[in-house]
Amino acid sequence: MTKNPIHPKKLLLSKWTAVTPENKEKHFMVIKVIEPQVEGGPVEQVVIEAVMSKRQKTIQWRSLTNGLEWKQGWV
């Protein structure tokens, strides 16, 4: 499995391309890093927004490291 190296603190405003687009949504940007409920805890989720439709969804940030699902940047 291919892994995208990424650190959660560098996710905000990062750009991603879905390997298998759904609803013609291919390019996404991380618009929000959801802070953990426990102060100092690990970041687990981010909000991504589709560039064309502006549709937003919350995902586990670690899914972005899966190179079979996501490519870093807009490809």
Protein backbone atom coordinates (compact mmCIF):
# COMPACT_ATOMS: atom_id res chain seq x y z
CA MET A 1 0.00 0.00 0.00
CA THR A 2 1.24 3.48 -0.87
CA LYS A 3 1.30 5.99 1.98
CA ASN A 4 1.17 9.77 1.76
CA PRO A 5 3.49 11.24 4.41
CA ILE A 6 1.63 14.00 6.23
CA HIS A 7 1.61 15.49 9.71
CA PRO A 8 -1.75 16.59 11.19
CA LYS A 9 -0.39 20.06 12.04
CA LYS A 10 0.28 20.71 8.35
CA LEU A 11 -3.14 19.63 7.08
CA LEU A 12 -4.97 22.97 7.11
CA LEU A 13 -5.44 24.27 3.53
CA SER A 14 -3.65 21.25 2.08
CA LYS A 15 -4.91 20.05 -1.31
CA TRP A 16 -5.94 16.49 -2.17
CA THR A 17 -7.12 14.54 -5.22
CA ALA A 18 -9.51 11.62 -4.80
CA VAL A 19 -8.20 8.53 -6.62
CA THR A 20 -11.80 7.39 -7.20
CA PRO A 21 -13.97 10.53 -7.55
CA GLU A 22 -17.60 10.41 -6.40
CA ASN A 23 -20.28 12.77 -7.80
CA LYS A 24 -17.63 14.25 -10.13
CA GLU A 25 -15.82 15.59 -7.05
CA LYS A 26 -12.12 15.02 -7.52
CA HIS A 27 -10.24 17.92 -5.93
CA PHE A 28 -10.55 18.73 -2.23
CA MET A 29 -9.04 21.11 0.28
CA VAL A 30 -8.77 20.66 4.06
CA ILE A 31 -10.68 23.66 5.40
CA LYS A 32 -10.74 22.77 9.10
CA VAL A 33 -8.74 20.64 11.51
CA ILE A 34 -11.07 19.51 14.29
CA GLU A 35 -9.41 20.02 17.63
CA PRO A 36 -9.52 17.08 20.05
CA GLN A 37 -11.98 17.24 22.93
CA VAL A 38 -9.18 16.50 25.37
CA GLU A 39 -6.70 19.36 25.39
CA GLY A 40 -3.36 18.17 24.07
CA GLY A 41 -4.94 15.04 22.60
CA PRO A 42 -4.26 13.88 19.06
CA VAL A 43 -6.06 15.38 16.07
CA GLU A 44 -8.30 12.72 14.56
CA GLN A 45 -10.67 14.45 12.12
CA VAL A 46 -10.62 17.13 9.44
CA VAL A 47 -13.26 18.78 7.28
CA ILE A 48 -12.59 18.63 3.55
CA GLU A 49 -14.38 20.67 0.92
CA ALA A 50 -14.85 19.75 -2.74
CA VAL A 51 -13.43 22.55 -4.88
CA MET A 52 -16.17 22.52 -7.54
CA SER A 53 -19.33 21.86 -5.50
CA LYS A 54 -18.19 23.32 -2.13
CA ARG A 55 -19.70 20.22 -0.48
CA GLN A 56 -18.06 19.52 2.87
CA LYS A 57 -17.51 16.29 4.75
CA THR A 58 -15.74 15.26 7.91
CA ILE A 59 -13.22 12.45 7.60
CA GLN A 60 -10.55 10.77 9.70
CA TRP A 61 -7.36 12.61 8.74
CA ARG A 62 -5.40 9.35 8.60
CA SER A 63 -7.46 8.25 5.59
CA LEU A 64 -5.52 10.91 3.63
CA THR A 65 -2.35 8.86 4.17
CA ASN A 66 -3.85 6.02 2.11
CA GLY A 67 -2.34 6.44 -1.35
CA LEU A 68 -4.98 4.12 -2.80
CA GLU A 69 -7.69 6.67 -1.87
CA TRP A 70 -5.94 10.05 -2.01
CA LYS A 71 -3.06 11.77 -3.82
CA GLN A 72 -1.48 14.81 -2.27
CA GLY A 73 -1.96 18.00 -4.31
CA TRP A 74 -4.28 18.53 -7.25
CA VAL A 75 -3.37 15.97 -9.87
